[in-house]
Amino acid sequence: MEILQRLIPLLNEGMKTTASVFAMTLLVSAILCVPVAWARLSRHLIISKIAAIYIYIMRATPLLLQLMFVFFGLPLLPIPLKLGRFTSIFIAFILNYTAYFAEILRGGIQSVDPGQWEAGKVLGLSKPYTFFKVILPVVIQRSFPAYSNEVITLVKDTSLVYILGVMDILKAAKSVSNTMSSILPYVYVGVVYLIIVGILTVILNKMERKIQAS
């Protein structure tokens, strides 16, 4: 009981951090992934290569390393850039998930029948209009399961912010565990993660069924 009394206030604080990192990353990355995917598919070799290199770096290196580089590494550059903890977290997470979302979007776009583009052209629709009104709905329908998996992964990845000393759910468990010399705080926090992921899974499954039915 004493463990819960110590843990709950810290969990409340940690939940705010976890929720803000999750929401900000999901929102901004979902927007930025569109131009990045578009750049990746560009016929201009330089633009396509730049996008491909960015995506490769983000996917080939651990998010934990990216967090540490943004916060600890940028101040050591010849032109130092010192960022606060939360700014570093948001930048690292958004850059990472934008790359993953962009790659999913790219795959979805490439899976669309080229005839859809031709139909839009015949109807006199501009390429951007054809993309957003004709192609994108099909891409979302086909790519949503992959997006859902990344959303669930994002929930778990938010636990990495503890490395910068920010109070999140996992940091709350660690603090109480060190004080009380007990593993129970980690068990309780594990249950919290199970509940969060369970709720998200139900929501995402319902959304997927609606999208597939539309």
N, C-alpha and C. Protein backbone atom coordinates (compact mmCIF):
# COMPACT_ATOMS: atom_id res chain seq x y z
N MET A 1 0.83 -1.21 0.00
CA MET A 1 0.00 0.00 0.00
C MET A 1 0.87 1.26 0.00
N GLU A 2 1.95 1.21 0.79
CA GLU A 2 2.85 2.37 0.86
C GLU A 2 3.51 2.62 -0.50
N ILE A 3 3.79 1.52 -1.19
CA ILE A 3 4.40 1.66 -2.52
C ILE A 3 3.46 2.41 -3.46
N LEU A 4 2.18 2.04 -3.43
CA LEU A 4 1.20 2.72 -4.29
C LEU A 4 1.05 4.19 -3.91
N GLN A 5 1.09 4.46 -2.61
CA GLN A 5 0.96 5.85 -2.15
C GLN A 5 2.11 6.70 -2.68
N ARG A 6 3.29 6.12 -2.75
CA ARG A 6 4.44 6.85 -3.29
C ARG A 6 4.41 6.90 -4.82
N LEU A 7 3.90 5.83 -5.42
CA LEU A 7 3.97 5.70 -6.87
C LEU A 7 2.93 6.54 -7.60
N ILE A 8 1.71 6.59 -7.08
CA ILE A 8 0.61 7.25 -7.80
C ILE A 8 0.88 8.72 -8.13
N PRO A 9 1.38 9.54 -7.17
CA PRO A 9 1.67 10.94 -7.53
C PRO A 9 2.71 11.06 -8.65
N LEU A 10 3.73 10.20 -8.59
CA LEU A 10 4.76 10.23 -9.63
C LEU A 10 4.20 9.73 -10.96
N LEU A 11 3.30 8.74 -10.88
CA LEU A 11 2.66 8.23 -12.09
C LEU A 11 1.82 9.32 -12.77
N ASN A 12 1.13 10.10 -11.97
CA ASN A 12 0.32 11.19 -12.52
C ASN A 12 1.20 12.17 -13.29
N GLU A 13 2.35 12.50 -12.69
CA GLU A 13 3.29 13.40 -13.36
C GLU A 13 3.88 12.73 -14.61
N GLY A 14 4.24 11.46 -14.46
CA GLY A 14 4.83 10.73 -15.58
C GLY A 14 3.86 10.54 -16.74
N MET A 15 2.58 10.36 -16.43
CA MET A 15 1.58 10.18 -17.47
C MET A 15 1.46 11.43 -18.35
N LYS A 16 1.62 12.59 -17.74
CA LYS A 16 1.56 13.84 -18.51
C LYS A 16 2.68 13.88 -19.54
N THR A 17 3.88 13.48 -19.09
CA THR A 17 5.02 13.45 -20.02
C THR A 17 4.79 12.43 -21.12
N THR A 18 4.40 11.23 -20.73
CA THR A 18 4.16 10.16 -21.71
C THR A 18 3.10 10.57 -22.73
N ALA A 19 2.01 11.15 -22.24
CA ALA A 19 0.91 11.55 -23.13
C ALA A 19 1.34 12.68 -24.07
N SER A 20 2.10 13.65 -23.56
CA SER A 20 2.51 14.78 -24.39
C SER A 20 3.49 14.34 -25.48
N VAL A 21 4.45 13.48 -25.11
CA VAL A 21 5.41 12.97 -26.10
C VAL A 21 4.69 12.15 -27.16
N PHE A 22 3.77 11.31 -26.72
CA PHE A 22 3.01 10.46 -27.64
C PHE A 22 2.18 11.31 -28.60
N ALA A 23 1.41 12.23 -28.05
CA ALA A 23 0.49 13.03 -28.88
C ALA A 23 1.25 13.94 -29.85
N MET A 24 2.28 14.62 -29.34
CA MET A 24 3.04 15.53 -30.20
C MET A 24 3.74 14.78 -31.33
N THR A 25 4.35 13.65 -30.98
CA THR A 25 5.06 12.85 -31.99
C THR A 25 4.10 12.34 -33.05
N LEU A 26 2.98 11.80 -32.61
CA LEU A 26 2.00 11.24 -33.54
C LEU A 26 1.45 12.30 -34.48
N LEU A 27 1.09 13.45 -33.93
CA LEU A 27 0.48 14.51 -34.72
C LEU A 27 1.46 15.09 -35.74
N VAL A 28 2.63 15.51 -35.27
CA VAL A 28 3.59 16.18 -36.15
C VAL A 28 4.17 15.20 -37.18
N SER A 29 4.47 13.99 -36.74
CA SER A 29 5.05 13.00 -37.66
C SER A 29 4.07 12.61 -38.76
N ALA A 30 2.79 12.51 -38.40
CA ALA A 30 1.77 12.15 -39.39
C ALA A 30 1.65 13.22 -40.47
N ILE A 31 1.95 14.47 -40.11
CA ILE A 31 1.90 15.56 -41.08
C ILE A 31 3.19 15.60 -41.91
N LEU A 32 4.33 15.54 -41.22
CA LEU A 32 5.62 15.66 -41.91
C LEU A 32 5.93 14.48 -42.82
N CYS A 33 5.36 13.32 -42.52
CA CYS A 33 5.67 12.14 -43.33
C CYS A 33 5.20 12.28 -44.77
N VAL A 34 4.18 13.12 -45.00
CA VAL A 34 3.65 13.28 -46.36
C VAL A 34 4.68 13.93 -47.29
N PRO A 35 5.24 15.11 -46.94
CA PRO A 35 6.26 15.68 -47.83
C PRO A 35 7.53 14.84 -47.92
N VAL A 36 7.88 14.14 -46.84
CA VAL A 36 9.08 13.29 -46.87
C VAL A 36 8.87 12.12 -47.83
N ALA A 37 7.70 11.49 -47.75
CA ALA A 37 7.39 10.40 -48.67
C ALA A 37 7.34 10.90 -50.11
N TRP A 38 6.78 12.08 -50.28
CA TRP A 38 6.70 12.69 -51.61
C TRP A 38 8.11 12.94 -52.15
N ALA A 39 9.01 13.43 -51.28
CA ALA A 39 10.40 13.66 -51.68
C ALA A 39 11.09 12.35 -52.03
N ARG A 40 10.80 11.31 -51.25
CA ARG A 40 11.41 10.00 -51.49
C ARG A 40 11.01 9.45 -52.86
N LEU A 41 9.81 9.78 -53.30
CA LEU A 41 9.30 9.29 -54.59
C LEU A 41 9.59 10.26 -55.74
N SER A 42 10.25 11.37 -55.41
CA SER A 42 10.51 12.40 -56.42
C SER A 42 11.38 11.86 -57.56
N ARG A 43 11.14 12.36 -58.75
CA ARG A 43 11.96 11.99 -59.91
C ARG A 43 13.28 12.73 -59.91
N HIS A 44 13.38 13.77 -59.08
CA HIS A 44 14.65 14.50 -58.94
C HIS A 44 15.57 13.68 -58.06
N LEU A 45 16.66 13.22 -58.63
CA LEU A 45 17.55 12.28 -57.96
C LEU A 45 18.08 12.83 -56.64
N ILE A 46 18.49 14.09 -56.61
CA ILE A 46 19.08 14.67 -55.39
C ILE A 46 18.06 14.69 -54.27
N ILE A 47 16.84 15.16 -54.57
CA ILE A 47 15.78 15.22 -53.55
C ILE A 47 15.46 13.83 -53.04
N SER A 48 15.33 12.88 -53.95
CA SER A 48 15.01 11.50 -53.57
C SER A 48 16.11 10.90 -52.71
N LYS A 49 17.37 11.16 -53.07
CA LYS A 49 18.50 10.60 -52.32
C LYS A 49 18.60 11.20 -50.92
N ILE A 50 18.36 12.50 -50.80
CA ILE A 50 18.39 13.15 -49.49
C ILE A 50 17.34 12.54 -48.57
N ALA A 51 16.13 12.37 -49.11
CA ALA A 51 15.05 11.76 -48.32
C ALA A 51 15.39 10.32 -47.96
N ALA A 52 15.98 9.59 -48.90
CA ALA A 52 16.34 8.19 -48.66
C ALA A 52 17.41 8.07 -47.58
N ILE A 53 18.40 8.97 -47.61
CA ILE A 53 19.47 8.94 -46.60
C ILE A 53 18.91 9.26 -45.22
N TYR A 54 18.05 10.28 -45.16
CA TYR A 54 17.42 10.64 -43.87
C TYR A 54 16.63 9.47 -43.31
N ILE A 55 15.82 8.83 -44.14
CA ILE A 55 15.01 7.70 -43.68
C ILE A 55 15.91 6.56 -43.23
N TYR A 56 16.97 6.30 -43.99
CA TYR A 56 17.88 5.20 -43.64
C TYR A 56 18.54 5.45 -42.29
N ILE A 57 19.03 6.66 -42.07
CA ILE A 57 19.71 6.98 -40.80
C ILE A 57 18.75 6.81 -39.62
N MET A 58 17.55 7.32 -39.77
CA MET A 58 16.58 7.24 -38.68
C MET A 58 16.16 5.81 -38.38
N ARG A 59 16.05 4.99 -39.41
CA ARG A 59 15.61 3.60 -39.21
C ARG A 59 16.75 2.67 -38.82
N ALA A 60 17.98 3.05 -39.18
CA ALA A 60 19.12 2.16 -38.94
C ALA A 60 19.81 2.40 -37.60
N THR A 61 19.46 3.48 -36.92
CA THR A 61 20.07 3.78 -35.62
C THR A 61 18.99 3.76 -34.54
N PRO A 62 19.35 3.33 -33.33
CA PRO A 62 18.35 3.26 -32.25
C PRO A 62 17.83 4.64 -31.86
N LEU A 63 16.57 4.70 -31.52
CA LEU A 63 15.98 5.95 -31.05
C LEU A 63 16.70 6.46 -29.81
N LEU A 64 17.14 5.56 -28.96
CA LEU A 64 17.87 5.95 -27.75
C LEU A 64 19.13 6.72 -28.12
N LEU A 65 19.85 6.23 -29.12
CA LEU A 65 21.07 6.91 -29.58
C LEU A 65 20.74 8.28 -30.17
N GLN A 66 19.64 8.36 -30.89
CA GLN A 66 19.23 9.64 -31.47
C GLN A 66 18.89 10.65 -30.37
N LEU A 67 18.22 10.19 -29.33
CA LEU A 67 17.92 11.06 -28.19
C LEU A 67 19.20 11.61 -27.57
N MET A 68 20.15 10.73 -27.35
CA MET A 68 21.41 11.13 -26.72
C MET A 68 22.20 12.07 -27.62
N PHE A 69 22.15 11.83 -28.93
CA PHE A 69 22.88 12.71 -29.85
C PHE A 69 22.29 14.11 -29.85
N VAL A 70 20.96 14.21 -29.91
CA VAL A 70 20.33 15.52 -29.95
C VAL A 70 20.62 16.31 -28.67
N PHE A 71 20.54 15.64 -27.52
CA PHE A 71 20.71 16.35 -26.25
C PHE A 71 22.18 16.54 -25.87
N PHE A 72 22.97 15.48 -26.00
CA PHE A 72 24.37 15.55 -25.57
C PHE A 72 25.34 15.87 -26.70
N GLY A 73 24.98 15.47 -27.93
CA GLY A 73 25.90 15.62 -29.05
C GLY A 73 25.88 16.98 -29.73
N LEU A 74 24.69 17.55 -29.92
CA LEU A 74 24.60 18.83 -30.62
C LEU A 74 25.40 19.95 -29.95
N PRO A 75 25.45 20.02 -28.60
CA PRO A 75 26.27 21.07 -27.98
C PRO A 75 27.76 20.92 -28.24
N LEU A 76 28.21 19.75 -28.71
CA LEU A 76 29.63 19.50 -28.94
C LEU A 76 30.05 19.77 -30.38
N LEU A 77 29.10 20.13 -31.23
CA LEU A 77 29.41 20.42 -32.62
C LEU A 77 30.21 21.72 -32.73
N PRO A 78 30.94 21.93 -33.85
CA PRO A 78 31.70 23.18 -34.04
C PRO A 78 30.83 24.42 -33.85
N ILE A 79 29.59 24.32 -34.32
CA ILE A 79 28.60 25.37 -34.02
C ILE A 79 27.62 24.75 -33.03
N PRO A 80 27.88 24.94 -31.73
CA PRO A 80 27.08 24.23 -30.71
C PRO A 80 25.61 24.64 -30.72
N LEU A 81 24.78 23.64 -30.49
CA LEU A 81 23.34 23.88 -30.39
C LEU A 81 22.84 23.18 -29.13
N LYS A 82 22.57 23.96 -28.11
CA LYS A 82 22.14 23.40 -26.83
C LYS A 82 20.63 23.51 -26.71
N LEU A 83 19.99 22.36 -26.55
CA LEU A 83 18.53 22.31 -26.46
C LEU A 83 18.11 21.79 -25.10
N GLY A 84 16.92 22.19 -24.67
CA GLY A 84 16.38 21.69 -23.42
C GLY A 84 15.98 20.23 -23.55
N ARG A 85 15.70 19.60 -22.41
CA ARG A 85 15.36 18.18 -22.42
C ARG A 85 14.13 17.87 -23.26
N PHE A 86 13.05 18.61 -23.01
CA PHE A 86 11.81 18.32 -23.72
C PHE A 86 11.93 18.64 -25.21
N THR A 87 12.62 19.72 -25.53
CA THR A 87 12.83 20.05 -26.94
C THR A 87 13.61 18.95 -27.64
N SER A 88 14.64 18.44 -26.97
CA SER A 88 15.45 17.35 -27.53
C SER A 88 14.60 16.10 -27.74
N ILE A 89 13.76 15.81 -26.77
CA ILE A 89 12.89 14.63 -26.86
C ILE A 89 11.94 14.75 -28.04
N PHE A 90 11.28 15.90 -28.16
CA PHE A 90 10.33 16.08 -29.25
C PHE A 90 11.02 16.00 -30.61
N ILE A 91 12.18 16.63 -30.74
CA ILE A 91 12.90 16.62 -32.02
C ILE A 91 13.30 15.20 -32.39
N ALA A 92 13.90 14.47 -31.45
CA ALA A 92 14.36 13.10 -31.73
C ALA A 92 13.20 12.18 -32.09
N PHE A 93 12.14 12.25 -31.31
CA PHE A 93 10.98 11.38 -31.57
C PHE A 93 10.32 11.72 -32.91
N ILE A 94 10.14 13.00 -33.17
CA ILE A 94 9.47 13.41 -34.41
C ILE A 94 10.30 13.03 -35.64
N LEU A 95 11.61 13.26 -35.58
CA LEU A 95 12.47 12.88 -36.70
C LEU A 95 12.43 11.37 -36.94
N ASN A 96 12.45 10.60 -35.85
CA ASN A 96 12.45 9.15 -35.96
C ASN A 96 11.14 8.63 -36.56
N TYR A 97 10.03 9.06 -35.99
CA TYR A 97 8.74 8.52 -36.43
C TYR A 97 8.29 9.09 -37.77
N THR A 98 8.74 10.29 -38.11
CA THR A 98 8.46 10.80 -39.45
C THR A 98 9.07 9.89 -40.50
N ALA A 99 10.28 9.41 -40.24
CA ALA A 99 10.95 8.51 -41.19
C ALA A 99 10.18 7.20 -41.34
N TYR A 100 9.76 6.62 -40.22
CA TYR A 100 9.02 5.36 -40.28
C TYR A 100 7.67 5.54 -40.98
N PHE A 101 6.95 6.60 -40.62
CA PHE A 101 5.66 6.85 -41.25
C PHE A 101 5.81 7.14 -42.74
N ALA A 102 6.87 7.87 -43.10
CA ALA A 102 7.10 8.20 -44.51
C ALA A 102 7.36 6.94 -45.33
N GLU A 103 8.09 6.01 -44.76
CA GLU A 103 8.38 4.77 -45.48
C GLU A 103 7.12 3.93 -45.66
N ILE A 104 6.27 3.92 -44.64
CA ILE A 104 4.98 3.22 -44.76
C ILE A 104 4.13 3.87 -45.84
N LEU A 105 4.11 5.21 -45.82
CA LEU A 105 3.33 5.95 -46.81
C LEU A 105 3.87 5.71 -48.22
N ARG A 106 5.19 5.71 -48.35
CA ARG A 106 5.80 5.46 -49.66
C ARG A 106 5.38 4.09 -50.22
N GLY A 107 5.46 3.09 -49.35
CA GLY A 107 5.05 1.76 -49.78
C GLY A 107 3.59 1.71 -50.18
N GLY A 108 2.75 2.43 -49.44
CA GLY A 108 1.33 2.48 -49.77
C GLY A 108 1.07 3.15 -51.10
N ILE A 109 1.79 4.25 -51.35
CA ILE A 109 1.61 4.98 -52.62
C ILE A 109 2.04 4.11 -53.80
N GLN A 110 3.15 3.40 -53.63
CA GLN A 110 3.65 2.56 -54.72
C GLN A 110 2.75 1.36 -55.00
N SER A 111 1.92 1.02 -54.01
CA SER A 111 1.03 -0.13 -54.20
C SER A 111 -0.24 0.24 -54.97
N VAL A 112 -0.47 1.54 -55.13
CA VAL A 112 -1.68 2.00 -55.83
C VAL A 112 -1.51 1.82 -57.34
N ASP A 113 -2.55 1.36 -57.97
CA ASP A 113 -2.55 1.16 -59.42
C ASP A 113 -2.24 2.49 -60.13
N PRO A 114 -1.21 2.52 -60.99
CA PRO A 114 -0.88 3.75 -61.73
C PRO A 114 -2.06 4.31 -62.51
N GLY A 115 -3.03 3.45 -62.80
CA GLY A 115 -4.21 3.90 -63.52
C GLY A 115 -4.99 4.96 -62.77
N GLN A 116 -4.86 4.98 -61.43
CA GLN A 116 -5.54 6.00 -60.62
C GLN A 116 -5.00 7.39 -60.97
N TRP A 117 -3.67 7.47 -61.11
CA TRP A 117 -3.06 8.74 -61.49
C TRP A 117 -3.52 9.16 -62.89
N GLU A 118 -3.53 8.20 -63.79
CA GLU A 118 -3.92 8.49 -65.17
C GLU A 118 -5.37 8.96 -65.24
N ALA A 119 -6.22 8.34 -64.41
CA ALA A 119 -7.63 8.74 -64.38
C ALA A 119 -7.77 10.18 -63.93
N GLY A 120 -7.00 10.55 -62.90
CA GLY A 120 -7.03 11.92 -62.43
C GLY A 120 -6.55 12.90 -63.48
N LYS A 121 -5.52 12.49 -64.22
CA LYS A 121 -4.98 13.34 -65.28
C LYS A 121 -6.00 13.54 -66.40
N VAL A 122 -6.69 12.45 -66.77
CA VAL A 122 -7.71 12.51 -67.82
C VAL A 122 -8.85 13.44 -67.42
N LEU A 123 -9.19 13.41 -66.13
CA LEU A 123 -10.28 14.25 -65.63
C LEU A 123 -9.86 15.70 -65.43
N GLY A 124 -8.59 15.99 -65.69
CA GLY A 124 -8.11 17.36 -65.57
C GLY A 124 -7.78 17.77 -64.15
N LEU A 125 -7.59 16.79 -63.27
CA LEU A 125 -7.26 17.09 -61.88
C LEU A 125 -5.77 17.34 -61.74
N SER A 126 -5.41 18.27 -60.88
CA SER A 126 -3.99 18.52 -60.63
C SER A 126 -3.39 17.33 -59.88
N LYS A 127 -2.07 17.20 -59.93
CA LYS A 127 -1.42 16.08 -59.27
C LYS A 127 -1.62 16.10 -57.75
N PRO A 128 -1.45 17.28 -57.09
CA PRO A 128 -1.70 17.33 -55.64
C PRO A 128 -3.15 16.96 -55.29
N TYR A 129 -4.10 17.47 -56.09
CA TYR A 129 -5.52 17.17 -55.82
C TYR A 129 -5.78 15.68 -55.98
N THR A 130 -5.22 15.10 -57.04
CA THR A 130 -5.39 13.65 -57.26
C THR A 130 -4.81 12.86 -56.10
N PHE A 131 -3.66 13.33 -55.60
CA PHE A 131 -3.02 12.61 -54.49
C PHE A 131 -3.88 12.65 -53.23
N PHE A 132 -4.31 13.85 -52.83
CA PHE A 132 -5.02 13.99 -51.56
C PHE A 132 -6.46 13.47 -51.62
N LYS A 133 -7.11 13.56 -52.77
CA LYS A 133 -8.52 13.18 -52.87
C LYS A 133 -8.75 11.78 -53.41
N VAL A 134 -7.79 11.27 -54.18
CA VAL A 134 -7.98 9.95 -54.81
C VAL A 134 -7.01 8.92 -54.26
N ILE A 135 -5.72 9.25 -54.29
CA ILE A 135 -4.69 8.29 -53.92
C ILE A 135 -4.59 8.09 -52.41
N LEU A 136 -4.55 9.20 -51.66
CA LEU A 136 -4.32 9.11 -50.21
C LEU A 136 -5.36 8.26 -49.48
N PRO A 137 -6.66 8.38 -49.79
CA PRO A 137 -7.63 7.50 -49.10
C PRO A 137 -7.35 6.01 -49.32
N VAL A 138 -6.92 5.65 -50.53
CA VAL A 138 -6.58 4.25 -50.81
C VAL A 138 -5.34 3.85 -50.04
N VAL A 139 -4.36 4.75 -50.00
CA VAL A 139 -3.11 4.48 -49.28
C VAL A 139 -3.37 4.28 -47.79
N ILE A 140 -4.21 5.14 -47.22
CA ILE A 140 -4.54 5.02 -45.79
C ILE A 140 -5.20 3.68 -45.51
N GLN A 141 -6.10 3.28 -46.38
CA GLN A 141 -6.79 2.01 -46.21
C GLN A 141 -5.81 0.84 -46.20
N ARG A 142 -4.84 0.88 -47.09
CA ARG A 142 -3.88 -0.22 -47.20
C ARG A 142 -2.78 -0.16 -46.15
N SER A 143 -2.45 1.04 -45.71
CA SER A 143 -1.31 1.21 -44.81
C SER A 143 -1.69 1.27 -43.34
N PHE A 144 -2.98 1.36 -43.04
CA PHE A 144 -3.39 1.58 -41.65
C PHE A 144 -2.88 0.51 -40.69
N PRO A 145 -2.90 -0.78 -41.05
CA PRO A 145 -2.37 -1.78 -40.12
C PRO A 145 -0.91 -1.52 -39.73
N ALA A 146 -0.10 -1.11 -40.70
CA ALA A 146 1.31 -0.81 -40.41
C ALA A 146 1.42 0.43 -39.53
N TYR A 147 0.59 1.44 -39.79
CA TYR A 147 0.57 2.63 -38.94
C TYR A 147 0.17 2.26 -37.51
N SER A 148 -0.81 1.40 -37.38
CA SER A 148 -1.27 0.98 -36.06
C SER A 148 -0.14 0.35 -35.25
N ASN A 149 0.64 -0.49 -35.91
CA ASN A 149 1.77 -1.12 -35.22
C ASN A 149 2.77 -0.09 -34.73
N GLU A 150 3.02 0.94 -35.55
CA GLU A 150 3.96 1.99 -35.14
C GLU A 150 3.40 2.82 -33.99
N VAL A 151 2.10 3.03 -33.98
CA VAL A 151 1.47 3.78 -32.89
C VAL A 151 1.65 3.03 -31.57
N ILE A 152 1.45 1.72 -31.59
CA ILE A 152 1.65 0.91 -30.39
C ILE A 152 3.11 0.95 -29.96
N THR A 153 4.01 0.87 -30.93
CA THR A 153 5.44 0.94 -30.63
C THR A 153 5.80 2.29 -30.00
N LEU A 154 5.17 3.34 -30.48
CA LEU A 154 5.42 4.68 -29.94
C LEU A 154 5.10 4.76 -28.46
N VAL A 155 4.01 4.14 -28.05
CA VAL A 155 3.65 4.13 -26.62
C VAL A 155 4.80 3.57 -25.80
N LYS A 156 5.36 2.46 -26.25
CA LYS A 156 6.45 1.82 -25.51
C LYS A 156 7.75 2.61 -25.62
N ASP A 157 7.96 3.24 -26.76
CA ASP A 157 9.19 4.02 -26.95
C ASP A 157 9.25 5.26 -26.06
N THR A 158 8.10 5.75 -25.64
CA THR A 158 8.10 6.93 -24.76
C THR A 158 8.87 6.68 -23.47
N SER A 159 9.02 5.41 -23.11
CA SER A 159 9.76 5.08 -21.88
C SER A 159 11.24 5.44 -21.99
N LEU A 160 11.73 5.69 -23.21
CA LEU A 160 13.14 6.02 -23.41
C LEU A 160 13.50 7.41 -22.90
N VAL A 161 12.50 8.25 -22.66
CA VAL A 161 12.81 9.63 -22.24
C VAL A 161 13.47 9.67 -20.87
N TYR A 162 13.36 8.57 -20.11
CA TYR A 162 13.97 8.55 -18.78
C TYR A 162 15.48 8.77 -18.86
N ILE A 163 16.08 8.43 -20.01
CA ILE A 163 17.53 8.54 -20.15
C ILE A 163 17.99 9.99 -20.02
N LEU A 164 17.08 10.94 -20.27
CA LEU A 164 17.41 12.35 -20.13
C LEU A 164 16.95 12.91 -18.79
N GLY A 165 16.56 12.02 -17.89
CA GLY A 165 16.18 12.44 -16.55
C GLY A 165 14.80 13.05 -16.45
N VAL A 166 13.96 12.80 -17.45
CA VAL A 166 12.60 13.33 -17.45
C VAL A 166 11.66 12.33 -16.76
N MET A 167 10.76 12.85 -15.97
CA MET A 167 9.83 11.99 -15.24
C MET A 167 8.73 11.48 -16.17
N ASP A 168 8.80 10.18 -16.48
CA ASP A 168 7.73 9.54 -17.23
C ASP A 168 7.26 8.35 -16.40
N ILE A 169 6.45 7.47 -16.99
CA ILE A 169 5.91 6.33 -16.24
C ILE A 169 7.02 5.42 -15.73
N LEU A 170 7.98 5.12 -16.60
CA LEU A 170 9.07 4.22 -16.20
C LEU A 170 9.96 4.85 -15.15
N LYS A 171 10.23 6.13 -15.30
CA LYS A 171 11.06 6.86 -14.32
C LYS A 171 10.38 6.86 -12.96
N ALA A 172 9.06 6.97 -12.95
CA ALA A 172 8.31 6.93 -11.69
C ALA A 172 8.52 5.59 -10.99
N ALA A 173 8.44 4.51 -11.76
CA ALA A 173 8.65 3.17 -11.18
C ALA A 173 10.07 3.03 -10.65
N LYS A 174 11.03 3.53 -11.39
CA LYS A 174 12.44 3.42 -10.98
C LYS A 174 12.69 4.19 -9.69
N SER A 175 12.11 5.38 -9.58
CA SER A 175 12.31 6.21 -8.38
C SER A 175 11.77 5.52 -7.14
N VAL A 176 10.55 4.99 -7.23
CA VAL A 176 9.94 4.32 -6.08
C VAL A 176 10.65 3.01 -5.79
N SER A 177 11.05 2.30 -6.83
CA SER A 177 11.75 1.03 -6.65
C SER A 177 13.06 1.22 -5.92
N ASN A 178 13.79 2.27 -6.27
CA ASN A 178 15.07 2.55 -5.59
C ASN A 178 14.86 2.93 -4.14
N THR A 179 13.78 3.67 -3.88
CA THR A 179 13.50 4.12 -2.51
C THR A 179 13.03 2.97 -1.63
N MET A 180 12.15 2.13 -2.17
CA MET A 180 11.52 1.07 -1.39
C MET A 180 12.23 -0.28 -1.52
N SER A 181 13.24 -0.35 -2.39
CA SER A 181 13.95 -1.62 -2.64
C SER A 181 12.96 -2.74 -2.98
N SER A 182 12.09 -2.43 -3.94
CA SER A 182 11.06 -3.39 -4.34
C SER A 182 10.89 -3.37 -5.85
N ILE A 183 10.55 -4.53 -6.39
CA ILE A 183 10.30 -4.64 -7.83
C ILE A 183 8.84 -4.36 -8.18
N LEU A 184 7.99 -4.26 -7.15
CA LEU A 184 6.55 -4.06 -7.39
C LEU A 184 6.22 -2.82 -8.22
N PRO A 185 6.92 -1.69 -8.03
CA PRO A 185 6.59 -0.53 -8.87
C PRO A 185 6.68 -0.83 -10.36
N TYR A 186 7.65 -1.66 -10.75
CA TYR A 186 7.78 -2.03 -12.17
C TYR A 186 6.60 -2.90 -12.61
N VAL A 187 6.13 -3.74 -11.70
CA VAL A 187 4.97 -4.58 -12.00
C VAL A 187 3.74 -3.70 -12.23
N TYR A 188 3.53 -2.74 -11.33
CA TYR A 188 2.38 -1.84 -11.45
C TYR A 188 2.45 -1.04 -12.75
N VAL A 189 3.64 -0.55 -13.07
CA VAL A 189 3.80 0.24 -14.29
C VAL A 189 3.61 -0.65 -15.53
N GLY A 190 4.03 -1.90 -15.44
CA GLY A 190 3.79 -2.84 -16.53
C GLY A 190 2.30 -3.00 -16.79
N VAL A 191 1.53 -3.05 -15.71
CA VAL A 191 0.07 -3.15 -15.85
C VAL A 191 -0.50 -1.89 -16.51
N VAL A 192 0.05 -0.73 -16.14
CA VAL A 192 -0.39 0.52 -16.75
C VAL A 192 -0.15 0.50 -18.26
N TYR A 193 1.03 0.05 -18.66
CA TYR A 193 1.33 -0.04 -20.09
C TYR A 193 0.37 -1.01 -20.79
N LEU A 194 0.09 -2.14 -20.14
CA LEU A 194 -0.83 -3.12 -20.72
C LEU A 194 -2.21 -2.51 -20.94
N ILE A 195 -2.66 -1.71 -19.97
CA ILE A 195 -3.97 -1.07 -20.08
C ILE A 195 -3.98 -0.05 -21.22
N ILE A 196 -2.94 0.79 -21.27
CA ILE A 196 -2.86 1.81 -22.32
C ILE A 196 -2.84 1.17 -23.71
N VAL A 197 -1.97 0.18 -23.87
CA VAL A 197 -1.86 -0.49 -25.17
C VAL A 197 -3.16 -1.23 -25.51
N GLY A 198 -3.79 -1.82 -24.50
CA GLY A 198 -5.06 -2.52 -24.73
C GLY A 198 -6.14 -1.58 -25.23
N ILE A 199 -6.25 -0.41 -24.60
CA ILE A 199 -7.25 0.58 -25.02
C ILE A 199 -6.96 1.07 -26.44
N LEU A 200 -5.69 1.37 -26.70
CA LEU A 200 -5.30 1.83 -28.04
C LEU A 200 -5.58 0.78 -29.10
N THR A 201 -5.30 -0.48 -28.76
CA THR A 201 -5.53 -1.57 -29.71
C THR A 201 -7.00 -1.68 -30.09
N VAL A 202 -7.88 -1.56 -29.10
CA VAL A 202 -9.32 -1.61 -29.36
C VAL A 202 -9.73 -0.45 -30.27
N ILE A 203 -9.25 0.75 -29.96
CA ILE A 203 -9.58 1.93 -30.76
C ILE A 203 -9.08 1.79 -32.19
N LEU A 204 -7.82 1.36 -32.33
CA LEU A 204 -7.22 1.22 -33.66
C LEU A 204 -7.91 0.14 -34.48
N ASN A 205 -8.30 -0.95 -33.82
CA ASN A 205 -9.01 -2.03 -34.53
C ASN A 205 -10.36 -1.55 -35.05
N LYS A 206 -11.06 -0.75 -34.23
CA LYS A 206 -12.35 -0.20 -34.66
C LYS A 206 -12.16 0.76 -35.84
N MET A 207 -11.12 1.58 -35.75
CA MET A 207 -10.82 2.51 -36.84
C MET A 207 -10.49 1.76 -38.12
N GLU A 208 -9.71 0.69 -37.98
CA GLU A 208 -9.32 -0.10 -39.15
C GLU A 208 -10.54 -0.72 -39.82
N ARG A 209 -11.47 -1.24 -39.02
CA ARG A 209 -12.68 -1.84 -39.59
C ARG A 209 -13.50 -0.81 -40.34
N LYS A 210 -13.60 0.41 -39.78
CA LYS A 210 -14.36 1.46 -40.45
C LYS A 210 -13.68 1.88 -41.76
N ILE A 211 -12.35 1.98 -41.71
CA ILE A 211 -11.61 2.38 -42.91
C ILE A 211 -11.73 1.33 -44.00
N GLN A 212 -11.61 0.06 -43.61
CA GLN A 212 -11.71 -1.02 -44.59
C GLN A 212 -13.11 -1.13 -45.19
N ALA A 213 -14.11 -0.74 -44.38
CA ALA A 213 -15.50 -0.83 -44.85
C ALA A 213 -15.89 0.35 -45.74
N SER A 214 -15.11 1.43 -45.66
CA SER A 214 -15.47 2.64 -46.43
C SER A 214 -15.07 2.53 -47.89
